[in-house]
All heavy atoms as atom14 arrays in JSON, in Angstrom:
{
  "sequence": "LQYTDESWLWKLETIRRTGQGSTYYAYTGGFEYTFYGVVQS",
  "atom14_mask": [
    [1, 1, 1, 1, 1, 1, 1, 1, 0, 0, 0, 0, 0, 0],
    [1, 1, 1, 1, 1, 1, 1, 1, 1, 0, 0, 0, 0, 0],
    [1, 1, 1, 1, 1, 1, 1, 1, 1, 1, 1, 1, 0, 0],
    [1, 1, 1, 1, 1, 1, 1, 0, 0, 0, 0, 0, 0, 0],
    [1, 1, 1, 1, 1, 1, 1, 1, 0, 0, 0, 0, 0, 0],
    [1, 1, 1, 1, 1, 1, 1, 1, 1, 0, 0, 0, 0, 0],
    [1, 1, 1, 1, 1, 1, 0, 0, 0, 0, 0, 0, 0, 0],
    [1, 1, 1, 1, 1, 1, 1, 1, 1, 1, 1, 1, 1, 1],
    [1, 1, 1, 1, 1, 1, 1, 1, 0, 0, 0, 0, 0, 0],
    [1, 1, 1, 1, 1, 1, 1, 1, 1, 1, 1, 1, 1, 1],
    [1, 1, 1, 1, 1, 1, 1, 1, 1, 0, 0, 0, 0, 0],
    [1, 1, 1, 1, 1, 1, 1, 1, 0, 0, 0, 0, 0, 0],
    [1, 1, 1, 1, 1, 1, 1, 1, 1, 0, 0, 0, 0, 0],
    [1, 1, 1, 1, 1, 1, 1, 0, 0, 0, 0, 0, 0, 0],
    [1, 1, 1, 1, 1, 1, 1, 1, 0, 0, 0, 0, 0, 0],
    [1, 1, 1, 1, 1, 1, 1, 1, 1, 1, 1, 0, 0, 0],
    [1, 1, 1, 1, 1, 1, 1, 1, 1, 1, 1, 0, 0, 0],
    [1, 1, 1, 1, 1, 1, 1, 0, 0, 0, 0, 0, 0, 0],
    [1, 1, 1, 1, 0, 0, 0, 0, 0, 0, 0, 0, 0, 0],
    [1, 1, 1, 1, 1, 1, 1, 1, 1, 0, 0, 0, 0, 0],
    [1, 1, 1, 1, 0, 0, 0, 0, 0, 0, 0, 0, 0, 0],
    [1, 1, 1, 1, 1, 1, 0, 0, 0, 0, 0, 0, 0, 0],
    [1, 1, 1, 1, 1, 1, 1, 0, 0, 0, 0, 0, 0, 0],
    [1, 1, 1, 1, 1, 1, 1, 1, 1, 1, 1, 1, 0, 0],
    [1, 1, 1, 1, 1, 1, 1, 1, 1, 1, 1, 1, 0, 0],
    [1, 1, 1, 1, 1, 0, 0, 0, 0, 0, 0, 0, 0, 0],
    [1, 1, 1, 1, 1, 1, 1, 1, 1, 1, 1, 1, 0, 0],
    [1, 1, 1, 1, 1, 1, 1, 0, 0, 0, 0, 0, 0, 0],
    [1, 1, 1, 1, 0, 0, 0, 0, 0, 0, 0, 0, 0, 0],
    [1, 1, 1, 1, 0, 0, 0, 0, 0, 0, 0, 0, 0, 0],
    [1, 1, 1, 1, 1, 1, 1, 1, 1, 1, 1, 0, 0, 0],
    [1, 1, 1, 1, 1, 1, 1, 1, 1, 0, 0, 0, 0, 0],
    [1, 1, 1, 1, 1, 1, 1, 1, 1, 1, 1, 1, 0, 0],
    [1, 1, 1, 1, 1, 1, 1, 0, 0, 0, 0, 0, 0, 0],
    [1, 1, 1, 1, 1, 1, 1, 1, 1, 1, 1, 0, 0, 0],
    [1, 1, 1, 1, 1, 1, 1, 1, 1, 1, 1, 1, 0, 0],
    [1, 1, 1, 1, 0, 0, 0, 0, 0, 0, 0, 0, 0, 0],
    [1, 1, 1, 1, 1, 1, 1, 0, 0, 0, 0, 0, 0, 0],
    [1, 1, 1, 1, 1, 1, 1, 0, 0, 0, 0, 0, 0, 0],
    [1, 1, 1, 1, 1, 1, 1, 1, 1, 0, 0, 0, 0, 0],
    [1, 1, 1, 1, 1, 1, 0, 0, 0, 0, 0, 0, 0, 0]
  ],
  "atom14_positions": [
    [[-46.28, -20.12, -42.12], [-45.19, -19.33, -42.69], [-45.56, -18.87, -44.09], [-46.14, -19.65, -44.86], [-43.9, -20.16, -42.78], [-43.19, -20.55, -41.49], [-42.01, -21.47, -41.81], [-42.69, -19.31, -40.76], [0.0, 0.0, 0.0], [0.0, 0.0, 0.0], [0.0, 0.0, 0.0], [0.0, 0.0, 0.0], [0.0, 0.0, 0.0], [0.0, 0.0, 0.0]],
    [[-45.24, -17.63, -44.41], [-45.42, -17.14, -45.77], [-44.28, -16.18, -46.1], [-44.0, -15.25, -45.34], [-46.76, -16.44, -45.95], [-46.99, -15.91, -47.37], [-48.42, -15.47, -47.61], [-49.32, -16.28, -47.78], [-48.64, -14.16, -47.62], [0.0, 0.0, 0.0], [0.0, 0.0, 0.0], [0.0, 0.0, 0.0], [0.0, 0.0, 0.0], [0.0, 0.0, 0.0]],
    [[-43.64, -16.41, -47.23], [-42.53, -15.57, -47.68], [-42.91, -14.96, -49.03], [-43.31, -15.68, -49.95], [-41.25, -16.39, -47.82], [-40.09, -15.6, -48.39], [-39.46, -14.61, -47.65], [-39.62, -15.85, -49.69], [-38.41, -13.88, -48.16], [-38.56, -15.13, -50.22], [-37.97, -14.15, -49.45], [-36.92, -13.42, -49.96], [0.0, 0.0, 0.0], [0.0, 0.0, 0.0]],
    [[-42.8, -13.64, -49.14], [-43.15, -12.92, -50.36], [-41.89, -12.42, -51.04], [-41.08, -11.71, -50.42], [-44.08, -11.74, -50.05], [-45.23, -12.2, -49.34], [-44.53, -11.06, -51.34], [0.0, 0.0, 0.0], [0.0, 0.0, 0.0], [0.0, 0.0, 0.0], [0.0, 0.0, 0.0], [0.0, 0.0, 0.0], [0.0, 0.0, 0.0], [0.0, 0.0, 0.0]],
    [[-41.72, -12.79, -52.31], [-40.56, -12.36, -53.09], [-41.04, -11.95, -54.48], [-41.11, -12.77, -55.39], [-39.52, -13.48, -53.18], [-38.28, -13.07, -53.96], [-38.09, -11.85, -54.17], [-37.51, -13.96, -54.38], [0.0, 0.0, 0.0], [0.0, 0.0, 0.0], [0.0, 0.0, 0.0], [0.0, 0.0, 0.0], [0.0, 0.0, 0.0], [0.0, 0.0, 0.0]],
    [[-41.42, -10.66, -54.6], [-41.96, -10.12, -55.83], [-43.14, -10.97, -56.3], [-44.18, -10.99, -55.66], [-40.86, -10.01, -56.89], [-39.77, -9.02, -56.49], [-38.7, -8.87, -57.55], [-38.65, -9.7, -58.48], [-37.91, -7.91, -57.46], [0.0, 0.0, 0.0], [0.0, 0.0, 0.0], [0.0, 0.0, 0.0], [0.0, 0.0, 0.0], [0.0, 0.0, 0.0]],
    [[-43.03, -11.71, -57.39], [-44.15, -12.48, -57.93], [-44.34, -13.83, -57.23], [-45.31, -14.54, -57.53], [-43.97, -12.72, -59.43], [-43.93, -11.49, -60.13], [0.0, 0.0, 0.0], [0.0, 0.0, 0.0], [0.0, 0.0, 0.0], [0.0, 0.0, 0.0], [0.0, 0.0, 0.0], [0.0, 0.0, 0.0], [0.0, 0.0, 0.0], [0.0, 0.0, 0.0]],
    [[-43.45, -14.19, -56.31], [-43.5, -15.47, -55.64], [-44.14, -15.35, -54.26], [-43.87, -14.42, -53.52], [-42.11, -16.07, -55.46], [-41.45, -16.54, -56.71], [-40.62, -15.82, -57.52], [-41.58, -17.83, -57.3], [-40.21, -16.58, -58.58], [-40.78, -17.84, -58.47], [-42.28, -18.98, -56.97], [-40.67, -18.95, -59.29], [-42.17, -20.1, -57.79], [-41.38, -20.08, -58.94]],
    [[-44.99, -16.32, -53.94], [-45.49, -16.52, -52.58], [-45.15, -17.95, -52.18], [-45.58, -18.91, -52.84], [-47.0, -16.31, -52.5], [-47.55, -14.9, -52.37], [-49.09, -14.95, -52.33], [-47.04, -14.23, -51.11], [0.0, 0.0, 0.0], [0.0, 0.0, 0.0], [0.0, 0.0, 0.0], [0.0, 0.0, 0.0], [0.0, 0.0, 0.0], [0.0, 0.0, 0.0]],
    [[-44.37, -18.1, -51.11], [-44.04, -19.43, -50.59], [-44.81, -19.61, -49.28], [-44.78, -18.74, -48.4], [-42.54, -19.56, -50.35], [-41.74, -19.49, -51.62], [-41.21, -18.38, -52.2], [-41.44, -20.59, -52.49], [-40.57, -18.7, -53.38], [-40.69, -20.07, -53.57], [-41.71, -21.96, -52.46], [-40.22, -20.86, -54.61], [-41.24, -22.76, -53.49], [-40.5, -22.21, -54.54]],
    [[-45.51, -20.76, -49.14], [-46.44, -20.95, -48.03], [-46.22, -22.29, -47.35], [-45.87, -23.28, -47.99], [-47.89, -20.88, -48.53], [-48.22, -19.66, -49.37], [-49.64, -19.75, -49.92], [-49.98, -18.58, -50.83], [-51.38, -18.64, -51.31], [0.0, 0.0, 0.0], [0.0, 0.0, 0.0], [0.0, 0.0, 0.0], [0.0, 0.0, 0.0], [0.0, 0.0, 0.0]],
    [[-46.49, -22.31, -46.03], [-46.39, -23.56, -45.27], [-47.34, -23.5, -44.08], [-47.41, -22.49, -43.38], [-44.96, -23.77, -44.75], [-44.77, -24.97, -43.82], [-44.96, -26.28, -44.57], [-43.41, -24.92, -43.13], [0.0, 0.0, 0.0], [0.0, 0.0, 0.0], [0.0, 0.0, 0.0], [0.0, 0.0, 0.0], [0.0, 0.0, 0.0], [0.0, 0.0, 0.0]],
    [[-48.09, -24.6, -43.89], [-48.85, -24.84, -42.67], [-48.48, -26.22, -42.15], [-48.46, -27.18, -42.92], [-50.37, -24.79, -42.92], [-50.91, -23.44, -43.3], [-52.43, -23.46, -43.44], [-53.08, -24.21, -42.67], [-52.97, -22.74, -44.3], [0.0, 0.0, 0.0], [0.0, 0.0, 0.0], [0.0, 0.0, 0.0], [0.0, 0.0, 0.0], [0.0, 0.0, 0.0]],
    [[-48.21, -26.32, -40.86], [-47.89, -27.61, -40.28], [-48.48, -27.69, -38.88], [-48.59, -26.66, -38.18], [-46.37, -27.85, -40.24], [-46.11, -29.15, -39.7], [-45.66, -26.81, -39.4], [0.0, 0.0, 0.0], [0.0, 0.0, 0.0], [0.0, 0.0, 0.0], [0.0, 0.0, 0.0], [0.0, 0.0, 0.0], [0.0, 0.0, 0.0], [0.0, 0.0, 0.0]],
    [[-48.9, -28.89, -38.48], [-49.48, -29.09, -37.15], [-48.88, -30.32, -36.49], [-48.41, -31.25, -37.16], [-51.02, -29.24, -37.19], [-51.42, -30.49, -38.01], [-51.68, -28.0, -37.73], [-52.89, -30.86, -37.88], [0.0, 0.0, 0.0], [0.0, 0.0, 0.0], [0.0, 0.0, 0.0], [0.0, 0.0, 0.0], [0.0, 0.0, 0.0], [0.0, 0.0, 0.0]],
    [[-48.93, -30.32, -35.16], [-48.64, -31.5, -34.34], [-49.85, -31.69, -33.43], [-50.22, -30.77, -32.7], [-47.38, -31.31, -33.51], [-47.07, -32.48, -32.57], [-45.84, -32.17, -31.72], [-45.43, -33.3, -30.9], [-45.88, -33.53, -29.66], [-46.77, -32.69, -29.11], [-45.46, -34.57, -28.97], [0.0, 0.0, 0.0], [0.0, 0.0, 0.0], [0.0, 0.0, 0.0]],
    [[-50.48, -32.87, -33.49], [-51.69, -33.11, -32.71], [-51.52, -34.34, -31.81], [-51.02, -35.37, -32.26], [-52.9, -33.3, -33.62], [-54.21, -33.55, -32.86], [-55.39, -33.74, -33.79], [-55.72, -32.51, -34.52], [-56.78, -32.39, -35.31], [-57.59, -33.43, -35.5], [-57.02, -31.25, -35.93], [0.0, 0.0, 0.0], [0.0, 0.0, 0.0], [0.0, 0.0, 0.0]],
    [[-51.97, -34.21, -30.57], [-52.01, -35.33, -29.64], [-53.44, -35.49, -29.13], [-54.19, -34.52, -29.06], [-51.07, -35.11, -28.44], [-51.51, -33.95, -27.7], [-49.63, -34.89, -28.9], [0.0, 0.0, 0.0], [0.0, 0.0, 0.0], [0.0, 0.0, 0.0], [0.0, 0.0, 0.0], [0.0, 0.0, 0.0], [0.0, 0.0, 0.0], [0.0, 0.0, 0.0]],
    [[-53.8, -36.73, -28.77], [-55.1, -36.98, -28.18], [-56.1, -37.65, -29.09], [-57.11, -38.16, -28.63], [0.0, 0.0, 0.0], [0.0, 0.0, 0.0], [0.0, 0.0, 0.0], [0.0, 0.0, 0.0], [0.0, 0.0, 0.0], [0.0, 0.0, 0.0], [0.0, 0.0, 0.0], [0.0, 0.0, 0.0], [0.0, 0.0, 0.0], [0.0, 0.0, 0.0]],
    [[-55.83, -37.67, -30.39], [-56.72, -38.32, -31.34], [-55.96, -39.49, -31.96], [-55.49, -39.44, -33.08], [-57.2, -37.34, -32.42], [-58.38, -37.86, -33.22], [-59.08, -36.74, -33.99], [-58.5, -35.67, -34.18], [-60.31, -36.95, -34.4], [0.0, 0.0, 0.0], [0.0, 0.0, 0.0], [0.0, 0.0, 0.0], [0.0, 0.0, 0.0], [0.0, 0.0, 0.0]],
    [[-55.82, -40.56, -31.17], [-54.96, -41.65, -31.56], [-53.52, -41.29, -31.23], [-53.23, -40.51, -30.31], [0.0, 0.0, 0.0], [0.0, 0.0, 0.0], [0.0, 0.0, 0.0], [0.0, 0.0, 0.0], [0.0, 0.0, 0.0], [0.0, 0.0, 0.0], [0.0, 0.0, 0.0], [0.0, 0.0, 0.0], [0.0, 0.0, 0.0], [0.0, 0.0, 0.0]],
    [[-52.58, -41.84, -31.97], [-51.17, -41.56, -31.75], [-50.84, -40.12, -32.16], [-51.48, -39.56, -33.05], [-50.3, -42.53, -32.56], [-50.57, -43.87, -32.2], [0.0, 0.0, 0.0], [0.0, 0.0, 0.0], [0.0, 0.0, 0.0], [0.0, 0.0, 0.0], [0.0, 0.0, 0.0], [0.0, 0.0, 0.0], [0.0, 0.0, 0.0], [0.0, 0.0, 0.0]],
    [[-49.84, -39.55, -31.5], [-49.38, -38.21, -31.88], [-48.93, -38.23, -33.34], [-48.24, -39.15, -33.78], [-48.22, -37.78, -30.98], [-48.66, -37.73, -29.63], [-47.69, -36.42, -31.4], [0.0, 0.0, 0.0], [0.0, 0.0, 0.0], [0.0, 0.0, 0.0], [0.0, 0.0, 0.0], [0.0, 0.0, 0.0], [0.0, 0.0, 0.0], [0.0, 0.0, 0.0]],
    [[-49.33, -37.21, -34.09], [-48.96, -37.19, -35.5], [-48.67, -35.77, -35.96], [-49.06, -34.79, -35.31], [-50.06, -37.81, -36.38], [-51.28, -36.95, -36.56], [-51.4, -36.08, -37.65], [-52.34, -36.98, -35.65], [-52.52, -35.29, -37.83], [-53.47, -36.2, -35.83], [-53.55, -35.36, -36.92], [-54.65, -34.56, -37.09], [0.0, 0.0, 0.0], [0.0, 0.0, 0.0]],
    [[-47.98, -35.7, -37.1], [-47.68, -34.43, -37.76], [-48.34, -34.42, -39.14], [-48.5, -35.46, -39.78], [-46.17, -34.25, -37.93], [-45.4, -34.08, -36.64], [-45.0, -35.2, -35.92], [-45.09, -32.82, -36.17], [-44.3, -35.06, -34.73], [-44.4, -32.66, -34.98], [-44.0, -33.79, -34.27], [-43.31, -33.64, -33.09], [0.0, 0.0, 0.0], [0.0, 0.0, 0.0]],
    [[-48.69, -33.23, -39.6], [-49.2, -33.06, -40.95], [-48.75, -31.69, -41.46], [-48.54, -30.77, -40.66], [-50.73, -33.16, -40.98], [0.0, 0.0, 0.0], [0.0, 0.0, 0.0], [0.0, 0.0, 0.0], [0.0, 0.0, 0.0], [0.0, 0.0, 0.0], [0.0, 0.0, 0.0], [0.0, 0.0, 0.0], [0.0, 0.0, 0.0], [0.0, 0.0, 0.0]],
    [[-48.58, -31.58, -42.76], [-48.19, -30.28, -43.31], [-48.74, -30.11, -44.72], [-49.02, -31.09, -45.42], [-46.67, -30.09, -43.29], [-45.9, -31.02, -44.2], [-45.79, -30.77, -45.57], [-45.26, -32.14, -43.69], [-45.07, -31.6, -46.39], [-44.55, -33.0, -44.51], [-44.45, -32.72, -45.86], [-43.75, -33.57, -46.68], [0.0, 0.0, 0.0], [0.0, 0.0, 0.0]],
    [[-48.9, -28.86, -45.11], [-49.22, -28.47, -46.47], [-48.31, -27.31, -46.82], [-48.24, -26.32, -46.08], [-50.69, -28.04, -46.62], [-51.54, -29.1, -46.22], [-51.0, -27.65, -48.06], [0.0, 0.0, 0.0], [0.0, 0.0, 0.0], [0.0, 0.0, 0.0], [0.0, 0.0, 0.0], [0.0, 0.0, 0.0], [0.0, 0.0, 0.0], [0.0, 0.0, 0.0]],
    [[-47.61, -27.43, -47.92], [-46.67, -26.37, -48.29], [-46.5, -26.27, -49.79], [-46.71, -27.25, -50.52], [0.0, 0.0, 0.0], [0.0, 0.0, 0.0], [0.0, 0.0, 0.0], [0.0, 0.0, 0.0], [0.0, 0.0, 0.0], [0.0, 0.0, 0.0], [0.0, 0.0, 0.0], [0.0, 0.0, 0.0], [0.0, 0.0, 0.0], [0.0, 0.0, 0.0]],
    [[-46.15, -25.07, -50.26], [-45.93, -24.91, -51.68], [-45.75, -23.46, -52.07], [-45.28, -22.63, -51.26], [0.0, 0.0, 0.0], [0.0, 0.0, 0.0], [0.0, 0.0, 0.0], [0.0, 0.0, 0.0], [0.0, 0.0, 0.0], [0.0, 0.0, 0.0], [0.0, 0.0, 0.0], [0.0, 0.0, 0.0], [0.0, 0.0, 0.0], [0.0, 0.0, 0.0]],
    [[-46.16, -23.12, -53.27], [-45.9, -21.78, -53.8], [-47.06, -21.33, -54.67], [-47.9, -22.11, -55.11], [-44.62, -21.79, -54.65], [-44.75, -22.57, -55.93], [-45.21, -21.95, -57.09], [-44.44, -23.92, -55.98], [-45.35, -22.66, -58.28], [-44.58, -24.65, -57.16], [-45.03, -24.02, -58.31], [0.0, 0.0, 0.0], [0.0, 0.0, 0.0], [0.0, 0.0, 0.0]],
    [[-47.07, -20.02, -54.94], [-47.92, -19.42, -55.97], [-47.09, -18.37, -56.69], [-46.55, -17.46, -56.05], [-49.18, -18.81, -55.39], [-50.08, -18.21, -56.44], [-51.45, -17.81, -55.92], [-51.77, -18.13, -54.75], [-52.22, -17.18, -56.68], [0.0, 0.0, 0.0], [0.0, 0.0, 0.0], [0.0, 0.0, 0.0], [0.0, 0.0, 0.0], [0.0, 0.0, 0.0]],
    [[-46.98, -18.5, -58.0], [-46.26, -17.53, -58.82], [-47.26, -16.83, -59.73], [-48.04, -17.48, -60.41], [-45.17, -18.2, -59.67], [-44.38, -17.21, -60.49], [-43.28, -16.55, -59.94], [-44.74, -16.9, -61.8], [-42.56, -15.63, -60.67], [-44.03, -15.98, -62.55], [-42.94, -15.34, -61.97], [-42.23, -14.41, -62.7], [0.0, 0.0, 0.0], [0.0, 0.0, 0.0]],
    [[-47.23, -15.5, -59.74], [-48.22, -14.72, -60.49], [-47.56, -14.02, -61.68], [-46.56, -13.32, -61.53], [-48.89, -13.68, -59.6], [-49.52, -14.34, -58.5], [-49.93, -12.89, -60.38], [0.0, 0.0, 0.0], [0.0, 0.0, 0.0], [0.0, 0.0, 0.0], [0.0, 0.0, 0.0], [0.0, 0.0, 0.0], [0.0, 0.0, 0.0], [0.0, 0.0, 0.0]],
    [[-48.14, -14.24, -62.86], [-47.77, -13.51, -64.06], [-48.71, -12.31, -64.17], [-49.92, -12.48, -64.36], [-47.91, -14.39, -65.31], [-47.0, -15.58, -65.32], [-47.43, -16.8, -64.8], [-45.72, -15.5, -65.85], [-46.62, -17.91, -64.82], [-44.89, -16.61, -65.87], [-45.33, -17.82, -65.35], [0.0, 0.0, 0.0], [0.0, 0.0, 0.0], [0.0, 0.0, 0.0]],
    [[-48.17, -11.11, -64.05], [-48.99, -9.9, -64.09], [-49.09, -9.39, -65.52], [-48.11, -9.36, -66.27], [-48.39, -8.82, -63.19], [-48.38, -9.2, -61.73], [-47.21, -9.67, -61.12], [-49.52, -9.1, -60.96], [-47.2, -10.02, -59.78], [-49.53, -9.45, -59.62], [-48.36, -9.91, -59.04], [-48.35, -10.26, -57.71], [0.0, 0.0, 0.0], [0.0, 0.0, 0.0]],
    [[-50.33, -8.98, -65.91], [-50.53, -8.44, -67.24], [-50.23, -9.44, -68.34], [-49.47, -9.12, -69.27], [0.0, 0.0, 0.0], [0.0, 0.0, 0.0], [0.0, 0.0, 0.0], [0.0, 0.0, 0.0], [0.0, 0.0, 0.0], [0.0, 0.0, 0.0], [0.0, 0.0, 0.0], [0.0, 0.0, 0.0], [0.0, 0.0, 0.0], [0.0, 0.0, 0.0]],
    [[-50.8, -10.65, -68.25], [-50.48, -11.69, -69.22], [-50.96, -11.27, -70.61], [-51.99, -10.61, -70.78], [-51.14, -13.03, -68.81], [-50.48, -13.57, -67.57], [-52.63, -12.88, -68.61], [0.0, 0.0, 0.0], [0.0, 0.0, 0.0], [0.0, 0.0, 0.0], [0.0, 0.0, 0.0], [0.0, 0.0, 0.0], [0.0, 0.0, 0.0], [0.0, 0.0, 0.0]],
    [[-50.18, -11.66, -71.62], [-50.41, -11.33, -73.04], [-50.83, -9.87, -73.22], [-51.77, -9.55, -73.93], [-51.45, -12.3, -73.69], [-50.88, -13.7, -73.78], [-52.76, -12.31, -72.94], [0.0, 0.0, 0.0], [0.0, 0.0, 0.0], [0.0, 0.0, 0.0], [0.0, 0.0, 0.0], [0.0, 0.0, 0.0], [0.0, 0.0, 0.0], [0.0, 0.0, 0.0]],
    [[-50.1, -9.0, -72.53], [-50.27, -7.56, -72.62], [-51.71, -7.11, -72.32], [-52.24, -6.2, -72.96], [-49.86, -7.07, -74.03], [-48.39, -7.33, -74.33], [-47.99, -6.81, -75.7], [-48.83, -6.6, -76.56], [-46.69, -6.6, -75.89], [0.0, 0.0, 0.0], [0.0, 0.0, 0.0], [0.0, 0.0, 0.0], [0.0, 0.0, 0.0], [0.0, 0.0, 0.0]],
    [[-52.32, -7.77, -71.34], [-53.66, -7.41, -70.9], [-53.58, -6.97, -69.44], [-52.51, -6.94, -68.83], [-54.61, -8.6, -71.05], [-54.32, -9.6, -70.07], [0.0, 0.0, 0.0], [0.0, 0.0, 0.0], [0.0, 0.0, 0.0], [0.0, 0.0, 0.0], [0.0, 0.0, 0.0], [0.0, 0.0, 0.0], [0.0, 0.0, 0.0], [0.0, 0.0, 0.0]]
  ]
}
């Protein structure tokens, strides 16, 4: 999943795996915020 809101990027990856030991879930999620033209550059 990825959601774009102007300078914000919200991201998520998640998996469900079976067959390698017990069934398990894992995820990575977060954001990236971009400052454009920092210090007038």
